[in-house]
Amino acid sequence: MIAYLTNLATLATIFGILAASLNLLIGYAGIFSIAHAVFFGLGAYAGAQLAMLLVPDLLLACLAGGLVAGALSLCLALPALRVRGEYFVAASLGLQMMAVTVFSEAHAFTGGHGGLVGIPLASLLGFDISAPPTFLVVCLVVLALVLVVIRVLMRGSFGRSLMAIRDSESAAEAFGKNVARLKTLAVVLGCAMAGVAGVLFAFYMAFVNVESFTLEQSILVMAMVIIGGTATLIGPLVGVLLLLLLPAGLSFLPFIPPTEIGSVQQLIYGLAMALLMIFRPAGLAGRSAGQR
């Protein structure tokens, strides 16, 4: 039981980092991306390759994963500068579909559909941190750092400018805000954080393949953010806990066959998001626009 709870807590922490990074785009910048799993995957593959080819140092891997995901996020940032609203959602969907194909075919980097097997045990500055309890503590520290960075940024001029763009891009431009630069920085920062989450995921699972970075994964992370509450630090974490604990709870219900749990999950996700949009659009832990 302890091993199971440790595993669940570690995955929740990793997805907490991922959801917090997407919240930076959706909640604070108003950029609705459904391609976040792409950058999660880029970080995972970059970190895994560095560990397998050079050294399995988690710090170096996180730097590499964050840099790769942040640099390649310009593929998402450039459309964000030209289109908005539903047009950007369509652009991010195209990127997500294209990335899955690339991940499946780029065997030298991703291992194709077979994925990358045998990722070395994680170390940090020469110390072994692969034991599940130790790795959980490391993940919690990374999550705390990510939340602190987001909080500091959102309380500064960058955050205020970003939220002004979210609320009214035209008004922000009229007040002299460099909308293009701010949106680009938001996308790069959010995707770099997603890359760090991907590195942690790769080391923890010791195996990564394209199935972890599909459109369904992007939608799941978006559901975590929306259900938990956008533009808050705690909201995405609430969403992560609810949606990760849901499969565990469904598995204990005798009237739901194990093969149907995935379908039931999708139905519950969709229904929960629809009801929240109607009755509590700010999410479970979200705040109204007047409180932000």
Protein backbone atom coordinates (compact mmCIF):
# COMPACT_ATOMS: atom_id res chain seq x y z
CA MET A 1 0.00 0.00 0.00
CA ILE A 2 2.84 2.42 0.86
CA ALA A 3 4.50 1.74 -2.49
CA TYR A 4 1.19 2.36 -4.29
CA LEU A 5 0.60 5.65 -2.47
CA THR A 6 4.18 6.77 -3.12
CA ASN A 7 3.74 6.01 -6.82
CA LEU A 8 0.45 7.93 -6.93
CA ALA A 9 1.95 10.89 -5.07
CA THR A 10 4.95 11.03 -7.42
CA LEU A 11 2.78 11.00 -10.53
CA ALA A 12 0.50 13.62 -8.99
CA THR A 13 3.51 15.84 -8.28
CA ILE A 14 4.84 15.50 -11.84
CA PHE A 15 1.43 16.24 -13.32
CA GLY A 16 1.11 19.12 -10.85
CA ILE A 17 4.18 20.71 -12.47
CA LEU A 18 2.71 20.04 -15.92
CA ALA A 19 -0.69 21.50 -15.03
CA ALA A 20 0.87 24.55 -13.37
CA SER A 21 2.89 25.21 -16.51
CA LEU A 22 -0.23 25.03 -18.69
CA ASN A 23 -2.06 27.29 -16.24
CA LEU A 24 0.57 29.93 -16.97
CA LEU A 25 -0.65 29.92 -20.57
CA ILE A 26 -4.38 29.42 -20.07
CA GLY A 27 -5.04 31.13 -16.76
CA TYR A 28 -2.63 34.05 -16.83
CA ALA A 29 -1.99 34.67 -20.53
CA GLY A 30 -5.30 33.55 -22.00
CA ILE A 31 -3.54 31.28 -24.51
CA PHE A 32 -5.56 28.08 -24.92
CA SER A 33 -3.16 25.42 -26.14
CA ILE A 34 -4.05 21.77 -26.67
CA ALA A 35 -0.50 20.84 -27.59
CA HIS A 36 1.07 20.90 -24.12
CA ALA A 37 1.81 17.17 -24.18
CA VAL A 38 4.17 17.87 -27.08
CA PHE A 39 6.53 19.84 -24.85
CA PHE A 40 6.08 17.35 -22.03
CA GLY A 41 7.29 14.75 -24.53
CA LEU A 42 10.17 16.85 -25.84
CA GLY A 43 11.50 17.25 -22.31
CA ALA A 44 11.08 13.55 -21.61
CA TYR A 45 12.92 12.48 -24.76
CA ALA A 46 15.69 15.07 -24.33
CA GLY A 47 16.28 14.11 -20.69
CA ALA A 48 16.20 10.39 -21.50
CA GLN A 49 18.69 10.76 -24.35
CA LEU A 50 21.09 12.78 -22.20
CA ALA A 51 20.87 10.16 -19.45
CA MET A 52 21.42 7.26 -21.85
CA LEU A 53 24.22 8.84 -23.89
CA LEU A 54 26.08 10.97 -21.33
CA VAL A 55 25.21 11.02 -17.62
CA PRO A 56 21.95 10.37 -15.72
CA ASP A 57 22.22 13.58 -13.70
CA LEU A 58 18.73 14.95 -13.04
CA LEU A 59 19.83 18.58 -12.86
CA LEU A 60 21.55 18.46 -16.25
CA ALA A 61 18.64 16.53 -17.73
CA CYS A 62 16.13 19.11 -16.46
CA LEU A 63 18.21 21.92 -17.95
CA ALA A 64 18.40 20.08 -21.28
CA GLY A 65 14.71 19.18 -21.30
CA GLY A 66 13.64 22.68 -20.36
CA LEU A 67 15.88 24.28 -22.99
CA VAL A 68 14.76 21.94 -25.77
CA ALA A 69 11.07 22.35 -24.95
CA GLY A 70 11.41 26.10 -24.48
CA ALA A 71 13.33 26.59 -27.73
CA LEU A 72 10.98 24.48 -29.82
CA SER A 73 7.96 26.14 -28.21
CA LEU A 74 8.56 28.96 -30.68
CA CYS A 75 6.67 26.69 -33.09
CA LEU A 76 3.68 27.41 -30.88
CA ALA A 77 4.56 30.99 -29.94
CA LEU A 78 4.78 32.25 -33.52
CA PRO A 79 1.17 31.30 -34.36
CA ALA A 80 0.13 32.79 -31.02
CA LEU A 81 1.38 36.17 -32.21
CA ARG A 82 -0.76 36.07 -35.35
CA VAL A 83 -4.01 34.46 -34.29
CA ARG A 84 -6.17 34.34 -31.19
CA GLY A 85 -9.13 32.49 -29.73
CA GLU A 86 -10.42 29.51 -31.66
CA TYR A 87 -7.86 30.02 -34.43
CA PHE A 88 -4.99 29.46 -32.03
CA VAL A 89 -6.69 26.36 -30.64
CA ALA A 90 -6.80 25.00 -34.19
CA ALA A 91 -3.13 25.88 -34.72
CA SER A 92 -2.10 24.10 -31.51
CA LEU A 93 -4.18 21.07 -32.53
CA GLY A 94 -2.26 20.91 -35.81
CA LEU A 95 1.03 21.06 -33.91
CA GLN A 96 -0.10 18.27 -31.59
CA MET A 97 -1.08 15.97 -34.47
CA MET A 98 2.15 16.69 -36.35
CA ALA A 99 4.28 16.09 -33.26
CA VAL A 100 2.75 12.66 -32.61
CA THR A 101 3.71 11.65 -36.16
CA VAL A 102 7.25 12.96 -35.69
CA PHE A 103 7.61 11.17 -32.34
CA SER A 104 6.45 7.94 -33.97
CA GLU A 105 8.84 8.18 -36.92
CA ALA A 106 11.96 9.77 -35.42
CA HIS A 107 13.44 6.46 -34.27
CA ALA A 108 16.93 7.85 -33.64
CA PHE A 109 15.63 10.33 -31.06
CA THR A 110 12.43 8.76 -29.70
CA GLY A 111 12.75 5.04 -30.44
CA GLY A 112 9.55 5.20 -32.49
CA HIS A 113 6.51 3.34 -31.23
CA GLY A 114 8.77 1.09 -29.15
CA GLY A 115 9.98 4.09 -27.18
CA LEU A 116 13.18 4.48 -25.18
CA VAL A 117 13.82 1.57 -22.84
CA GLY A 118 16.35 1.27 -20.03
CA ILE A 119 16.67 4.89 -18.94
CA PRO A 120 19.34 4.89 -16.20
CA LEU A 121 18.48 5.48 -12.55
CA ALA A 122 18.46 9.14 -11.63
CA SER A 123 21.28 10.80 -9.74
CA LEU A 124 21.75 14.34 -8.48
CA LEU A 125 25.23 15.78 -8.11
CA GLY A 126 26.59 12.25 -7.79
CA PHE A 127 24.01 11.04 -5.26
CA ASP A 128 21.56 8.28 -6.09
CA ILE A 129 17.98 9.59 -5.87
CA SER A 130 16.24 6.68 -7.60
CA ALA A 131 14.57 5.28 -4.45
CA PRO A 132 10.84 6.09 -4.73
CA PRO A 133 10.58 8.11 -1.48
CA THR A 134 13.70 10.12 -2.36
CA PHE A 135 12.53 10.78 -5.89
CA LEU A 136 9.15 11.92 -4.55
CA VAL A 137 10.88 14.47 -2.32
CA VAL A 138 12.89 15.76 -5.30
CA CYS A 139 9.70 16.09 -7.37
CA LEU A 140 8.01 17.97 -4.53
CA VAL A 141 10.96 20.38 -4.36
CA VAL A 142 10.74 21.00 -8.11
CA LEU A 143 6.98 21.58 -7.85
CA ALA A 144 7.53 24.07 -5.03
CA LEU A 145 10.15 25.93 -7.08
CA VAL A 146 7.84 26.08 -10.10
CA LEU A 147 4.99 27.46 -7.99
CA VAL A 148 7.29 30.04 -6.38
CA VAL A 149 8.54 31.20 -9.79
CA ILE A 150 4.99 31.53 -11.11
CA ARG A 151 3.86 33.40 -8.01
CA VAL A 152 6.76 35.85 -8.15
CA LEU A 153 6.30 36.47 -11.87
CA MET A 154 2.53 36.94 -11.62
CA ARG A 155 2.90 39.44 -8.77
CA GLY A 156 5.37 41.52 -10.78
CA SER A 157 5.01 43.75 -13.82
CA PHE A 158 5.31 40.77 -16.17
CA GLY A 159 2.34 39.03 -14.59
CA ARG A 160 0.20 42.16 -14.48
CA SER A 161 0.95 42.86 -18.13
CA LEU A 162 0.18 39.26 -19.06
CA MET A 163 -3.18 39.35 -17.31
CA ALA A 164 -3.97 42.68 -18.98
CA ILE A 165 -3.40 41.01 -22.34
CA ARG A 166 -5.60 38.09 -21.27
CA ASP A 167 -8.45 40.42 -20.33
CA SER A 168 -8.17 42.73 -23.34
CA GLU A 169 -5.34 42.47 -25.83
CA SER A 170 -6.39 45.64 -27.65
CA ALA A 171 -6.47 47.66 -24.42
CA ALA A 172 -3.07 46.33 -23.42
CA GLU A 173 -1.63 47.41 -26.76
CA ALA A 174 -3.20 50.85 -26.33
CA PHE A 175 -1.37 51.20 -23.01
CA GLY A 176 1.95 50.44 -24.71
CA LYS A 177 2.37 46.77 -23.78
CA ASN A 178 4.54 44.73 -26.13
CA VAL A 179 1.96 42.00 -26.66
CA ALA A 180 4.08 39.91 -29.02
CA ARG A 181 7.05 39.76 -26.68
CA LEU A 182 4.97 39.05 -23.57
CA LYS A 183 2.98 36.25 -25.21
CA THR A 184 6.18 34.71 -26.56
CA LEU A 185 7.84 34.79 -23.13
CA ALA A 186 4.76 33.21 -21.55
CA VAL A 187 4.70 30.37 -24.08
CA VAL A 188 8.44 29.71 -23.80
CA LEU A 189 8.38 29.74 -20.00
CA GLY A 190 5.31 27.52 -19.73
CA CYS A 191 6.63 25.01 -22.25
CA ALA A 192 10.07 24.93 -20.62
CA MET A 193 8.39 24.00 -17.32
CA ALA A 194 6.47 21.28 -19.15
CA GLY A 195 9.82 20.00 -20.43
CA VAL A 196 11.13 19.75 -16.86
CA ALA A 197 8.03 17.75 -15.91
CA GLY A 198 8.75 15.48 -18.87
CA VAL A 199 12.29 14.83 -17.62
CA LEU A 200 11.00 13.82 -14.19
CA PHE A 201 8.42 11.56 -15.83
CA ALA A 202 11.06 9.86 -17.99
CA PHE A 203 13.38 9.16 -15.06
CA TYR A 204 10.57 7.93 -12.88
CA MET A 205 9.05 5.58 -15.45
CA ALA A 206 12.48 4.50 -16.88
CA PHE A 207 10.63 4.23 -20.20
CA VAL A 208 8.92 6.70 -22.52
CA ASN A 209 7.02 6.29 -25.76
CA VAL A 210 4.66 8.32 -27.90
CA GLU A 211 1.54 7.02 -26.13
CA SER A 212 2.25 9.34 -23.19
CA PHE A 213 2.28 12.49 -25.35
CA THR A 214 -0.87 12.25 -27.44
CA LEU A 215 -3.83 14.60 -27.86
CA GLU A 216 -5.63 12.72 -25.08
CA GLN A 217 -2.82 13.63 -22.69
CA SER A 218 -3.03 17.30 -23.67
CA ILE A 219 -6.80 17.29 -23.11
CA LEU A 220 -6.35 15.56 -19.74
CA VAL A 221 -3.93 18.26 -18.55
CA MET A 222 -6.25 21.00 -19.80
CA ALA A 223 -9.11 19.34 -17.91
CA MET A 224 -6.98 19.36 -14.75
CA VAL A 225 -6.43 23.10 -15.08
CA ILE A 226 -10.01 24.02 -15.96
CA ILE A 227 -11.68 21.78 -13.38
CA GLY A 228 -9.28 22.83 -10.62
CA GLY A 229 -9.40 26.53 -11.44
CA THR A 230 -7.39 28.78 -13.75
CA ALA A 231 -5.22 31.72 -12.71
CA THR A 232 -4.60 30.32 -9.22
CA LEU A 233 -1.66 28.40 -7.81
CA ILE A 234 -3.75 25.78 -6.03
CA GLY A 235 -6.37 25.22 -8.74
CA PRO A 236 -4.32 23.01 -11.11
CA LEU A 237 -3.16 20.92 -8.14
CA VAL A 238 -6.78 20.33 -7.11
CA GLY A 239 -7.57 19.26 -10.66
CA VAL A 240 -4.60 16.90 -10.73
CA LEU A 241 -5.63 15.19 -7.51
CA LEU A 242 -9.22 14.76 -8.64
CA LEU A 243 -8.42 13.39 -12.08
CA LEU A 244 -5.60 11.12 -10.94
CA LEU A 245 -7.58 9.71 -8.04
CA LEU A 246 -10.63 9.14 -10.25
CA PRO A 247 -9.23 6.04 -12.06
CA ALA A 248 -8.22 4.53 -8.72
CA GLY A 249 -11.72 5.09 -7.39
CA LEU A 250 -13.42 3.71 -10.49
CA SER A 251 -11.36 0.51 -10.28
CA PHE A 252 -13.03 -0.30 -6.96
CA LEU A 253 -16.56 -0.10 -8.41
CA PRO A 254 -17.69 -3.67 -9.18
CA PHE A 255 -20.24 -2.67 -11.83
CA ILE A 256 -17.64 -1.03 -14.11
CA PRO A 257 -15.57 -3.55 -16.13
CA PRO A 258 -11.82 -2.82 -16.09
CA THR A 259 -11.81 -2.48 -19.88
CA GLU A 260 -14.41 0.31 -19.68
CA ILE A 261 -12.72 2.46 -17.04
CA GLY A 262 -11.01 4.62 -19.66
CA SER A 263 -14.28 5.36 -21.44
CA VAL A 264 -16.05 6.18 -18.17
CA GLN A 265 -13.18 8.53 -17.27
CA GLN A 266 -13.58 10.43 -20.53
CA LEU A 267 -17.32 10.78 -19.96
CA ILE A 268 -16.77 12.10 -16.43
CA TYR A 269 -14.08 14.55 -17.62
CA GLY A 270 -16.35 15.93 -20.32
CA LEU A 271 -19.38 16.18 -18.06
CA ALA A 272 -17.38 17.84 -15.27
CA MET A 273 -15.91 20.44 -17.64
CA ALA A 274 -19.33 21.19 -19.16
CA LEU A 275 -20.99 21.60 -15.76
CA LEU A 276 -18.16 23.80 -14.47
CA MET A 277 -18.38 26.05 -17.52
CA ILE A 278 -22.07 26.55 -16.74
CA PHE A 279 -22.15 26.79 -12.95
CA ARG A 280 -18.57 27.64 -11.91
CA PRO A 281 -16.52 28.83 -14.89
CA ALA A 282 -13.57 29.77 -12.65
CA GLY A 283 -13.15 26.13 -11.55
CA LEU A 284 -13.35 24.51 -8.13
CA ALA A 285 -10.56 26.59 -6.59
CA GLY A 286 -10.83 29.49 -9.02
CA ARG A 287 -11.79 33.05 -8.30
CA SER A 288 -14.14 35.36 -10.10
CA ALA A 289 -12.76 37.96 -12.47
CA GLY A 290 -13.32 40.69 -9.88
CA GLN A 291 -11.10 38.91 -7.37
CA ARG A 292 -8.08 38.48 -9.60
